[in-house]
Amino acid sequence: MISVIASIGFVITVMTFISGFRMVKKPEQRAEGLMHRVNGYISLSFYIVLAVIAIMHGTPVFYVFFWVIGLALYCLKIFLVRKRLGLRYGGYLGATILITWIVAIFTHLPS
């Protein structure tokens, strides 16, 4: 079940990453921005749910550090976008969040 939730969260994160680039190319389309924002918050919700599940299953303290770093990256991206710096740094942080899903989730999930 955990793998299914992680896979769905990863797919939503990829959709968010792609819609973010599409939004930069065509900023006048408000629906694209709304879709990007909703997908981002859904992927953040999946991330938090998986972190809680992993921590409750007795994840070592060292791995909790990685979950917190991933959450900090999400918060940093939201902060930069709210400060109107998303066009400059959003793609880099979006790619970093994608890598966070690959590394921190698929390698540190409880079995």
C-alpha atoms as a PDB file:
ATOM      1  CA  MET A   1       0.000   0.000   0.000  1.00  0.00           C
ATOM      2  CA  ILE A   2       2.837   2.385   0.832  1.00  0.00           C
ATOM      3  CA  SER A   3       4.415   1.793  -2.567  1.00  0.00           C
ATOM      4  CA  VAL A   4       1.138   2.633  -4.288  1.00  0.00           C
ATOM      5  CA  ILE A   5       0.811   5.907  -2.360  1.00  0.00           C
ATOM      6  CA  ALA A   6       4.448   6.757  -3.147  1.00  0.00           C
ATOM      7  CA  SER A   7       3.949   5.986  -6.833  1.00  0.00           C
ATOM      8  CA  ILE A   8       0.826   8.134  -7.056  1.00  0.00           C
ATOM      9  CA  GLY A   9       2.619  10.969  -5.251  1.00  0.00           C
ATOM     10  CA  PHE A  10       5.564  10.680  -7.623  1.00  0.00           C
ATOM     11  CA  VAL A  11       3.292  10.820 -10.683  1.00  0.00           C
ATOM     12  CA  ILE A  12       1.524  13.886  -9.296  1.00  0.00           C
ATOM     13  CA  THR A  13       4.902  15.496  -8.625  1.00  0.00           C
ATOM     14  CA  VAL A  14       5.963  14.869 -12.233  1.00  0.00           C
ATOM     15  CA  MET A  15       2.665  16.390 -13.420  1.00  0.00           C
ATOM     16  CA  THR A  16       3.311  19.410 -11.200  1.00  0.00           C
ATOM     17  CA  PHE A  17       6.828  19.793 -12.586  1.00  0.00           C
ATOM     18  CA  ILE A  18       5.600  19.660 -16.189  1.00  0.00           C
ATOM     19  CA  SER A  19       2.669  22.008 -15.574  1.00  0.00           C
ATOM     20  CA  GLY A  20       5.081  24.458 -13.926  1.00  0.00           C
ATOM     21  CA  PHE A  21       7.125  24.675 -17.098  1.00  0.00           C
ATOM     22  CA  ARG A  22       3.991  25.001 -19.200  1.00  0.00           C
ATOM     23  CA  MET A  23       2.798  27.783 -16.901  1.00  0.00           C
ATOM     24  CA  VAL A  24       6.054  29.692 -17.391  1.00  0.00           C
ATOM     25  CA  LYS A  25       5.693  29.471 -21.166  1.00  0.00           C
ATOM     26  CA  LYS A  26       2.063  30.667 -21.127  1.00  0.00           C
ATOM     27  CA  PRO A  27       1.496  32.674 -17.934  1.00  0.00           C
ATOM     28  CA  GLU A  28      -1.769  34.164 -19.187  1.00  0.00           C
ATOM     29  CA  GLN A  29      -3.564  30.823 -18.844  1.00  0.00           C
ATOM     30  CA  ARG A  30      -4.944  30.935 -15.326  1.00  0.00           C
ATOM     31  CA  ALA A  31      -6.243  27.369 -15.454  1.00  0.00           C
ATOM     32  CA  GLU A  32      -2.697  26.072 -15.930  1.00  0.00           C
ATOM     33  CA  GLY A  33      -1.536  27.982 -12.856  1.00  0.00           C
ATOM     34  CA  LEU A  34      -4.440  26.678 -10.802  1.00  0.00           C
ATOM     35  CA  MET A  35      -3.737  23.108 -11.909  1.00  0.00           C
ATOM     36  CA  HIS A  36      -0.050  23.526 -11.016  1.00  0.00           C
ATOM     37  CA  ARG A  37      -0.905  24.879  -7.584  1.00  0.00           C
ATOM     38  CA  VAL A  38      -3.463  22.154  -6.806  1.00  0.00           C
ATOM     39  CA  ASN A  39      -1.100  19.402  -7.987  1.00  0.00           C
ATOM     40  CA  GLY A  40       1.669  20.896  -5.853  1.00  0.00           C
ATOM     41  CA  TYR A  41      -0.417  20.894  -2.691  1.00  0.00           C
ATOM     42  CA  ILE A  42      -1.644  17.355  -3.409  1.00  0.00           C
ATOM     43  CA  SER A  43       1.939  16.130  -3.845  1.00  0.00           C
ATOM     44  CA  LEU A  44       2.922  17.910  -0.616  1.00  0.00           C
ATOM     45  CA  SER A  45       0.034  16.144   1.147  1.00  0.00           C
ATOM     46  CA  PHE A  46       1.198  12.768  -0.183  1.00  0.00           C
ATOM     47  CA  TYR A  47       4.734  13.590   0.986  1.00  0.00           C
ATOM     48  CA  ILE A  48       3.565  14.398   4.515  1.00  0.00           C
ATOM     49  CA  VAL A  49       1.389  11.267   4.689  1.00  0.00           C
ATOM     50  CA  LEU A  50       4.286   9.071   3.588  1.00  0.00           C
ATOM     51  CA  ALA A  51       6.655  10.740   6.036  1.00  0.00           C
ATOM     52  CA  VAL A  52       4.253  10.111   8.907  1.00  0.00           C
ATOM     53  CA  ILE A  53       3.767   6.473   7.851  1.00  0.00           C
ATOM     54  CA  ALA A  54       7.530   5.942   7.574  1.00  0.00           C
ATOM     55  CA  ILE A  55       8.210   7.542  10.946  1.00  0.00           C
ATOM     56  CA  MET A  56       5.456   5.518  12.645  1.00  0.00           C
ATOM     57  CA  HIS A  57       6.953   2.298  11.242  1.00  0.00           C
ATOM     58  CA  GLY A  58      10.160   2.943  13.152  1.00  0.00           C
ATOM     59  CA  THR A  59      12.324   4.680  10.583  1.00  0.00           C
ATOM     60  CA  PRO A  60      15.857   5.344  11.905  1.00  0.00           C
ATOM     61  CA  VAL A  61      16.502   8.884  13.130  1.00  0.00           C
ATOM     62  CA  PHE A  62      18.963   9.485  10.300  1.00  0.00           C
ATOM     63  CA  TYR A  63      16.188   8.953   7.715  1.00  0.00           C
ATOM     64  CA  VAL A  64      13.851  11.348   9.530  1.00  0.00           C
ATOM     65  CA  PHE A  65      16.451  14.011   8.770  1.00  0.00           C
ATOM     66  CA  PHE A  66      15.951  13.367   5.037  1.00  0.00           C
ATOM     67  CA  TRP A  67      12.177  13.629   5.349  1.00  0.00           C
ATOM     68  CA  VAL A  68      12.590  16.996   7.092  1.00  0.00           C
ATOM     69  CA  ILE A  69      14.968  18.230   4.374  1.00  0.00           C
ATOM     70  CA  GLY A  70      12.426  17.271   1.715  1.00  0.00           C
ATOM     71  CA  LEU A  71       9.685  19.126   3.564  1.00  0.00           C
ATOM     72  CA  ALA A  72      11.990  22.143   3.884  1.00  0.00           C
ATOM     73  CA  LEU A  73      12.496  22.104   0.092  1.00  0.00           C
ATOM     74  CA  TYR A  74       8.743  22.192  -0.434  1.00  0.00           C
ATOM     75  CA  CYS A  75       8.423  25.101   2.006  1.00  0.00           C
ATOM     76  CA  LEU A  76      11.316  26.933   0.347  1.00  0.00           C
ATOM     77  CA  LYS A  77       9.693  26.579  -3.061  1.00  0.00           C
ATOM     78  CA  ILE A  78       6.367  27.901  -1.767  1.00  0.00           C
ATOM     79  CA  PHE A  79       8.188  30.795  -0.080  1.00  0.00           C
ATOM     80  CA  LEU A  80      10.091  31.727  -3.258  1.00  0.00           C
ATOM     81  CA  VAL A  81       6.967  31.599  -5.388  1.00  0.00           C
ATOM     82  CA  ARG A  82       5.099  33.841  -2.957  1.00  0.00           C
ATOM     83  CA  LYS A  83       8.026  36.312  -3.103  1.00  0.00           C
ATOM     84  CA  ARG A  84       7.684  36.324  -6.929  1.00  0.00           C
ATOM     85  CA  LEU A  85      11.020  34.550  -7.446  1.00  0.00           C
ATOM     86  CA  GLY A  86       9.422  31.430  -8.899  1.00  0.00           C
ATOM     87  CA  LEU A  87      10.329  32.239 -12.486  1.00  0.00           C
ATOM     88  CA  ARG A  88      13.996  32.501 -11.593  1.00  0.00           C
ATOM     89  CA  TYR A  89      14.411  29.605  -9.161  1.00  0.00           C
ATOM     90  CA  GLY A  90      11.224  27.537  -9.511  1.00  0.00           C
ATOM     91  CA  GLY A  91      12.557  25.113 -12.124  1.00  0.00           C
ATOM     92  CA  TYR A  92      15.612  24.257 -10.058  1.00  0.00           C
ATOM     93  CA  LEU A  93      13.570  23.638  -6.932  1.00  0.00           C
ATOM     94  CA  GLY A  94      10.965  21.712  -8.914  1.00  0.00           C
ATOM     95  CA  ALA A  95      13.680  19.394 -10.186  1.00  0.00           C
ATOM     96  CA  THR A  96      15.091  19.101  -6.668  1.00  0.00           C
ATOM     97  CA  ILE A  97      11.677  18.133  -5.317  1.00  0.00           C
ATOM     98  CA  LEU A  98      11.409  15.525  -8.067  1.00  0.00           C
ATOM     99  CA  ILE A  99      14.788  14.103  -7.049  1.00  0.00           C
ATOM    100  CA  THR A 100      13.661  14.184  -3.417  1.00  0.00           C
ATOM    101  CA  TRP A 101      10.749  11.935  -4.327  1.00  0.00           C
ATOM    102  CA  ILE A 102      13.054   9.532  -6.131  1.00  0.00           C
ATOM    103  CA  VAL A 103      15.753   9.356  -3.465  1.00  0.00           C
ATOM    104  CA  ALA A 104      14.095   9.948  -0.112  1.00  0.00           C
ATOM    105  CA  ILE A 105      10.880   8.124  -0.812  1.00  0.00           C
ATOM    106  CA  PHE A 106      11.695   5.110  -2.934  1.00  0.00           C
ATOM    107  CA  THR A 107      14.886   4.286  -1.025  1.00  0.00           C
ATOM    108  CA  HIS A 108      13.726   4.989   2.530  1.00  0.00           C
ATOM    109  CA  LEU A 109      10.200   3.653   2.621  1.00  0.00           C
ATOM    110  CA  PRO A 110       9.525   0.911   5.141  1.00  0.00           C
ATOM    111  CA  SER A 111       8.974  -2.467   3.528  1.00  0.00           C
END
